[in-house]
């Protein structure tokens, strides 16, 4: 393994992975933990073998960590979130918007929530989402359409 390669992967993938995990967990601290654990597992794996597509590998690990936590019934997943805005007013507004979006996401069925998170926060193409979730590309499109429609309705109602 080349040290520069993990650093380059980290620089390239961190932001997307870090945006994806809060959408799945609804908990900023847990999202940070899952993001960190995903990169640690990537580092360990890269010491033993070559990873063909680190982007997809990282998101699969993060998704599995989220699913494992839900299966374990982790109550921390429903906690609040924090924001990284530059002023207190911006932080408050961003935090409130983030809470509204995460609350709306939490009402979606799991497959819709994962499709939205992978597409909007992970930057995955439809075909990659389909492969990741084990569904057809057409089903990904249907789930995204339904999820967006429901999110739009929920967010308009909560204004």
Protein backbone atom coordinates (compact mmCIF):
# COMPACT_ATOMS: atom_id res chain seq x y z
CA UNK A 1 0.00 0.00 0.00
CA UNK A 2 1.15 3.50 -0.83
CA UNK A 3 0.66 6.07 1.96
CA UNK A 4 -0.13 8.76 -0.60
CA UNK A 5 -2.94 6.67 -2.03
CA UNK A 6 -4.93 6.54 1.23
CA UNK A 7 -4.39 10.27 1.72
CA UNK A 8 -5.59 10.95 -1.82
CA UNK A 9 -8.63 8.69 -1.34
CA UNK A 10 -9.40 10.46 1.93
CA UNK A 11 -9.23 13.90 0.30
CA UNK A 12 -11.35 12.76 -2.64
CA UNK A 13 -14.00 10.77 -0.74
CA UNK A 14 -14.35 12.28 2.73
CA UNK A 15 -16.86 15.05 1.92
CA UNK A 16 -19.28 12.77 0.08
CA UNK A 17 -19.10 10.03 2.68
CA UNK A 18 -19.49 12.55 5.48
CA UNK A 19 -22.61 14.00 3.83
CA UNK A 20 -24.07 10.52 3.29
CA UNK A 21 -23.77 9.15 6.83
CA UNK A 22 -25.89 11.78 8.66
CA UNK A 23 -28.67 11.21 6.14
CA UNK A 24 -28.67 7.55 7.11
CA UNK A 25 -28.11 7.84 10.86
CA UNK A 26 -29.90 11.10 11.74
CA UNK A 27 -27.14 11.66 14.26
CA UNK A 28 -24.09 13.84 13.57
CA UNK A 29 -21.80 12.25 16.17
CA UNK A 30 -22.65 8.76 14.99
CA UNK A 31 -22.17 9.84 11.38
CA UNK A 32 -18.67 11.06 12.26
CA UNK A 33 -17.93 7.76 13.96
CA UNK A 34 -19.15 5.72 10.97
CA UNK A 35 -17.19 7.88 8.54
CA UNK A 36 -14.03 7.42 10.61
CA UNK A 37 -14.59 3.67 10.99
CA UNK A 38 -15.13 3.31 7.23
CA UNK A 39 -11.79 4.95 6.48
CA UNK A 40 -10.03 2.88 9.15
CA UNK A 41 -11.39 -0.30 7.61
CA UNK A 42 -10.29 0.89 4.17
CA UNK A 43 -6.78 1.51 5.48
CA UNK A 44 -6.64 -1.95 7.06
CA UNK A 45 -7.92 -3.59 3.88
CA UNK A 46 -5.50 -1.65 1.65
CA UNK A 47 -2.61 -2.99 3.72
CA UNK A 48 -3.62 -6.53 2.69
CA UNK A 49 -4.99 -6.10 -0.83
CA UNK A 50 -5.85 -3.70 -3.63
CA UNK A 51 -9.29 -2.11 -3.54
CA UNK A 52 -10.68 -1.71 -7.05
CA UNK A 53 -13.17 1.10 -6.40
CA UNK A 54 -12.56 2.76 -3.02
CA UNK A 55 -15.60 5.04 -3.44
CA UNK A 56 -18.07 2.17 -3.67
CA UNK A 57 -16.17 0.13 -1.08
CA UNK A 58 -16.33 2.98 1.47
CA UNK A 59 -20.03 3.56 0.93
CA UNK A 60 -20.78 -0.16 1.22
CA UNK A 61 -18.89 -0.32 4.53
CA UNK A 62 -20.65 2.81 5.82
CA UNK A 63 -24.05 1.46 4.77
CA UNK A 64 -23.32 -1.87 6.47
CA UNK A 65 -22.27 -0.10 9.67
CA UNK A 66 -25.52 1.88 9.65
CA UNK A 67 -27.60 -1.25 9.03
CA UNK A 68 -25.75 -3.16 11.75
CA UNK A 69 -26.48 -0.35 14.20
CA UNK A 70 -30.18 -0.29 13.34
CA UNK A 71 -30.36 -4.06 13.75
CA UNK A 72 -28.76 -3.70 17.17
CA UNK A 73 -31.45 -1.16 18.09
CA UNK A 74 -29.00 1.66 18.84
CA UNK A 75 -31.10 4.46 20.43
CA UNK A 76 -28.45 7.08 19.68
CA UNK A 77 -29.48 7.10 16.02
CA UNK A 78 -32.44 9.36 16.70
CA UNK A 79 -30.46 12.11 18.46
CA UNK A 80 -30.04 15.65 17.17
CA UNK A 81 -27.44 17.03 14.78
CA UNK A 82 -24.92 19.83 14.79
CA UNK A 83 -23.78 22.32 12.17
CA UNK A 84 -20.47 23.79 10.98
CA UNK A 85 -21.65 27.26 9.89
CA UNK A 86 -19.47 30.37 10.19
CA UNK A 87 -21.75 32.57 12.34
CA UNK A 88 -24.14 31.72 15.16
CA UNK A 89 -27.11 32.91 13.07
CA UNK A 90 -26.02 30.82 10.08
CA UNK A 91 -25.36 27.86 12.35
CA UNK A 92 -28.84 28.14 13.81
CA UNK A 93 -30.51 28.37 10.39
CA UNK A 94 -28.39 25.57 8.93
CA UNK A 95 -28.98 23.41 11.98
CA UNK A 96 -32.75 23.92 11.79
CA UNK A 97 -32.82 23.15 8.05
CA UNK A 98 -30.65 20.08 8.60
CA UNK A 99 -32.97 18.89 11.38
CA UNK A 100 -36.01 19.38 9.15
CA UNK A 101 -34.41 17.48 6.27
CA UNK A 102 -33.16 14.65 8.47
CA UNK A 103 -36.53 14.43 10.20
CA UNK A 104 -38.24 14.23 6.80
CA UNK A 105 -35.73 11.62 5.62
CA UNK A 106 -36.46 9.54 8.69
CA UNK A 107 -40.10 9.18 7.63
CA UNK A 108 -39.17 7.54 4.34
CA UNK A 109 -39.12 3.78 3.89
CA UNK A 110 -35.57 2.43 4.21
CA UNK A 111 -35.03 1.79 0.50
CA UNK A 112 -36.14 5.33 -0.40
CA UNK A 113 -33.95 6.85 2.33
CA UNK A 114 -30.94 4.87 1.10
CA UNK A 115 -31.58 5.79 -2.55
CA UNK A 116 -31.76 9.50 -1.64
CA UNK A 117 -28.69 9.32 0.59
CA UNK A 118 -26.60 7.47 -2.01
CA UNK A 119 -27.69 9.77 -4.83
CA UNK A 120 -27.76 13.17 -3.15
CA UNK A 121 -25.09 12.77 -0.48
CA UNK A 122 -22.96 10.01 -1.98
CA UNK A 123 -23.00 11.17 -5.59
CA UNK A 124 -23.77 7.66 -6.88
CA UNK A 125 -25.16 7.07 -10.38
CA UNK A 126 -28.42 5.14 -10.69
CA UNK A 127 -26.58 2.00 -11.80
CA UNK A 128 -24.29 2.19 -8.77
CA UNK A 129 -27.23 2.64 -6.42
CA UNK A 130 -28.96 -0.34 -8.00
CA UNK A 131 -25.87 -2.50 -7.53
CA UNK A 132 -25.33 -1.29 -3.96
CA UNK A 133 -28.93 -2.02 -2.93
CA UNK A 134 -29.50 -5.09 -5.09
CA UNK A 135 -32.42 -3.62 -7.03
CA UNK A 136 -32.97 -2.68 -10.69
CA UNK A 137 -32.12 0.74 -12.13
CA UNK A 138 -35.81 1.23 -12.91
CA UNK A 139 -36.65 0.53 -9.27
CA UNK A 140 -34.02 3.08 -8.19
CA UNK A 141 -35.71 5.70 -10.39
CA UNK A 142 -39.14 4.86 -8.96
CA UNK A 143 -37.88 4.97 -5.37
CA UNK A 144 -36.10 8.30 -5.94
CA UNK A 145 -39.21 9.81 -7.54
CA UNK A 146 -41.41 8.70 -4.64
CA UNK A 147 -38.88 9.80 -2.03
CA UNK A 148 -38.45 13.26 -3.55
CA UNK A 149 -42.20 13.73 -3.86
CA UNK A 150 -42.72 12.76 -0.20
CA UNK A 151 -39.80 14.91 1.02
CA UNK A 152 -41.09 17.92 -0.90
CA UNK A 153 -44.54 17.44 0.67
CA UNK A 154 -43.18 17.01 4.20
CA UNK A 155 -40.83 19.99 3.95
CA UNK A 156 -43.56 22.25 2.55
CA UNK A 157 -45.89 21.26 5.39
CA UNK A 158 -43.25 21.96 8.04
CA UNK A 159 -42.51 25.54 6.95
